[in-house]
Amino acid sequence: MTKVSSSVTINKPVKEVFEYMASPHNGPAFIPNLNENTNIFPEKDGLGQKFDWRFNMAGVDLRGKAEVTEYVAPAKVVISSKGDADSTWTYTLEEAGGGTKVSVGIDYELAETALQRIVNKAVVSKLAQKTTEQMLENLKVILET
């Protein structure tokens, strides 16, 4: 498995940031190249919530299913995913001087068929790191505007 991580401070209360980030409905708005999350069930965000996802990496369409495997409001969400990319996304939030420090860690492994289409593992790793950083920049812009 490969791991990427990043963090940012957002000038909004922890509860507000958590509620936005924890909802699979909002993922496509702030996660670059996440085309869609569909079949989200149940509607209420929380432990056991499941959804299908579609992501584009280096022009390759990746698909899979995800489940919220840990949900500790307003501090932590863990989403486990299986499909063209098996991954665990961990969002950790903590109060930081009136705002919120958000840390994201992603452990992932691309299926061999997906890797064959993308070819270069070093490119995949760099793209994943850039995606994580851009995701947090997007989140900051959305929530602070």
Protein backbone atom coordinates (compact mmCIF):
# COMPACT_ATOMS: atom_id res chain seq x y z
CA MET A 1 0.00 0.00 0.00
CA THR A 2 1.03 3.56 -0.66
CA LYS A 3 0.25 6.39 1.74
CA VAL A 4 -0.23 10.10 1.09
CA SER A 5 -1.20 12.79 3.58
CA SER A 6 -1.70 16.50 3.96
CA SER A 7 -3.21 19.01 6.37
CA VAL A 8 -4.65 22.52 6.36
CA THR A 9 -6.21 24.95 8.81
CA ILE A 10 -9.67 26.22 7.89
CA ASN A 11 -11.13 29.32 9.52
CA LYS A 12 -14.43 27.66 10.44
CA PRO A 13 -15.62 25.77 13.53
CA VAL A 14 -14.81 22.05 13.77
CA LYS A 15 -18.48 21.02 13.70
CA GLU A 16 -19.14 22.89 10.44
CA VAL A 17 -16.06 21.46 8.70
CA PHE A 18 -16.83 17.94 9.95
CA GLU A 19 -20.45 18.01 8.77
CA TYR A 20 -19.37 19.08 5.29
CA MET A 21 -16.44 16.66 4.93
CA ALA A 22 -18.23 13.65 6.41
CA SER A 23 -20.98 13.69 3.78
CA PRO A 24 -20.32 11.58 0.66
CA HIS A 25 -22.72 13.94 -1.13
CA ASN A 26 -20.08 16.70 -0.88
CA GLY A 27 -17.02 14.67 -1.94
CA PRO A 28 -17.20 15.49 -5.67
CA ALA A 29 -17.26 19.22 -4.85
CA PHE A 30 -13.88 19.24 -3.11
CA ILE A 31 -12.02 16.05 -4.10
CA PRO A 32 -10.29 16.58 -7.47
CA ASN A 33 -11.11 13.96 -10.12
CA LEU A 34 -13.88 12.38 -8.02
CA ASN A 35 -16.57 12.34 -10.69
CA GLU A 36 -19.39 11.10 -8.50
CA ASN A 37 -20.58 9.32 -5.39
CA THR A 38 -23.85 7.50 -6.04
CA ASN A 39 -26.21 5.03 -4.38
CA ILE A 40 -25.53 6.68 -1.02
CA PHE A 41 -27.35 4.75 1.72
CA PRO A 42 -28.56 5.55 4.22
CA GLU A 43 -29.06 9.27 3.55
CA LYS A 44 -27.97 10.16 7.09
CA ASP A 45 -24.20 10.47 7.38
CA GLY A 46 -22.59 8.10 9.86
CA LEU A 47 -21.10 4.73 10.62
CA GLY A 48 -22.03 2.08 8.05
CA GLN A 49 -23.04 4.53 5.33
CA LYS A 50 -22.21 3.06 1.91
CA PHE A 51 -21.82 4.48 -1.57
CA ASP A 52 -20.43 3.81 -5.04
CA TRP A 53 -17.70 6.08 -6.40
CA ARG A 54 -16.15 6.94 -9.76
CA PHE A 55 -12.73 8.61 -9.91
CA ASN A 56 -10.42 9.57 -12.78
CA MET A 57 -6.66 9.13 -12.38
CA ALA A 58 -4.36 10.01 -15.28
CA GLY A 59 -7.25 9.58 -17.71
CA VAL A 60 -8.20 6.16 -16.33
CA ASP A 61 -11.76 5.69 -15.05
CA LEU A 62 -11.69 3.94 -11.66
CA ARG A 63 -14.78 2.64 -9.86
CA GLY A 64 -15.57 1.03 -6.56
CA LYS A 65 -17.67 0.83 -3.41
CA ALA A 66 -17.00 2.55 -0.11
CA GLU A 67 -18.21 2.34 3.47
CA VAL A 68 -17.82 4.64 6.46
CA THR A 69 -16.03 2.35 8.93
CA GLU A 70 -15.37 4.88 11.70
CA TYR A 71 -17.39 7.98 12.54
CA VAL A 72 -16.53 9.99 15.64
CA ALA A 73 -18.27 13.37 15.31
CA PRO A 74 -16.77 15.93 15.06
CA ALA A 75 -13.24 14.52 15.19
CA LYS A 76 -12.71 11.63 12.78
CA VAL A 77 -14.13 9.82 9.76
CA VAL A 78 -12.62 6.71 8.15
CA ILE A 79 -13.87 5.53 4.76
CA SER A 80 -12.79 2.14 3.42
CA SER A 81 -13.04 1.48 -0.30
CA LYS A 82 -12.80 -1.54 -2.59
CA GLY A 83 -12.69 -1.69 -6.36
CA ASP A 84 -10.20 -0.51 -8.98
CA ALA A 85 -8.44 1.14 -6.04
CA ASP A 86 -8.57 -0.33 -2.53
CA SER A 87 -8.11 2.51 -0.09
CA THR A 88 -8.68 3.87 3.37
CA TRP A 89 -9.34 7.60 3.70
CA THR A 90 -8.90 9.04 7.20
CA TYR A 91 -10.13 12.55 8.01
CA THR A 92 -9.02 13.92 11.40
CA LEU A 93 -10.24 17.29 12.67
CA GLU A 94 -9.22 19.31 15.72
CA GLU A 95 -9.78 22.82 17.03
CA ALA A 96 -6.96 25.20 16.12
CA GLY A 97 -7.15 28.79 17.35
CA GLY A 98 -10.83 29.27 16.58
CA GLY A 99 -10.56 27.36 13.32
CA THR A 100 -10.10 23.72 12.40
CA LYS A 101 -6.97 21.76 11.57
CA VAL A 102 -7.92 19.10 9.03
CA SER A 103 -5.56 16.20 8.35
CA VAL A 104 -6.19 13.68 5.59
CA GLY A 105 -4.35 10.39 5.20
CA ILE A 106 -5.01 8.04 2.31
CA ASP A 107 -3.65 4.50 2.14
CA TYR A 108 -4.30 3.01 -1.27
CA GLU A 109 -3.43 0.25 -3.67
CA LEU A 110 -4.50 0.23 -7.29
CA ALA A 111 -5.76 -3.00 -8.78
CA GLU A 112 -3.26 -4.53 -11.21
CA THR A 113 -5.60 -3.89 -14.16
CA ALA A 114 -5.78 -0.18 -13.28
CA LEU A 115 -2.00 0.03 -12.86
CA GLN A 116 -1.50 -1.54 -16.28
CA ARG A 117 -3.59 1.26 -17.78
CA ILE A 118 -1.69 4.02 -15.93
CA VAL A 119 1.69 2.23 -16.17
CA ASN A 120 3.99 4.28 -13.93
CA LYS A 121 3.68 3.78 -10.14
CA ALA A 122 5.79 6.89 -9.44
CA VAL A 123 3.33 8.99 -11.45
CA VAL A 124 0.42 7.47 -9.52
CA SER A 125 2.05 8.32 -6.19
CA LYS A 126 2.75 11.94 -7.18
CA LEU A 127 -0.76 12.38 -8.56
CA ALA A 128 -2.27 10.98 -5.37
CA GLN A 129 -0.23 13.40 -3.22
CA LYS A 130 -1.21 16.36 -5.41
CA THR A 131 -4.86 15.28 -5.26
CA THR A 132 -4.74 15.18 -1.45
CA GLU A 133 -3.20 18.66 -1.26
CA GLN A 134 -5.65 20.10 -3.81
CA MET A 135 -8.56 18.47 -1.98
CA LEU A 136 -7.72 20.40 1.19
CA GLU A 137 -7.15 23.65 -0.71
CA ASN A 138 -10.58 23.22 -2.34
CA LEU A 139 -12.19 22.46 1.02
CA LYS A 140 -10.67 25.63 2.50
CA VAL A 141 -11.94 27.79 -0.38
CA ILE A 142 -15.45 26.30 -0.24
CA LEU A 143 -15.86 26.61 3.52
CA GLU A 144 -14.20 30.01 3.99
CA THR A 145 -16.08 31.72 1.13
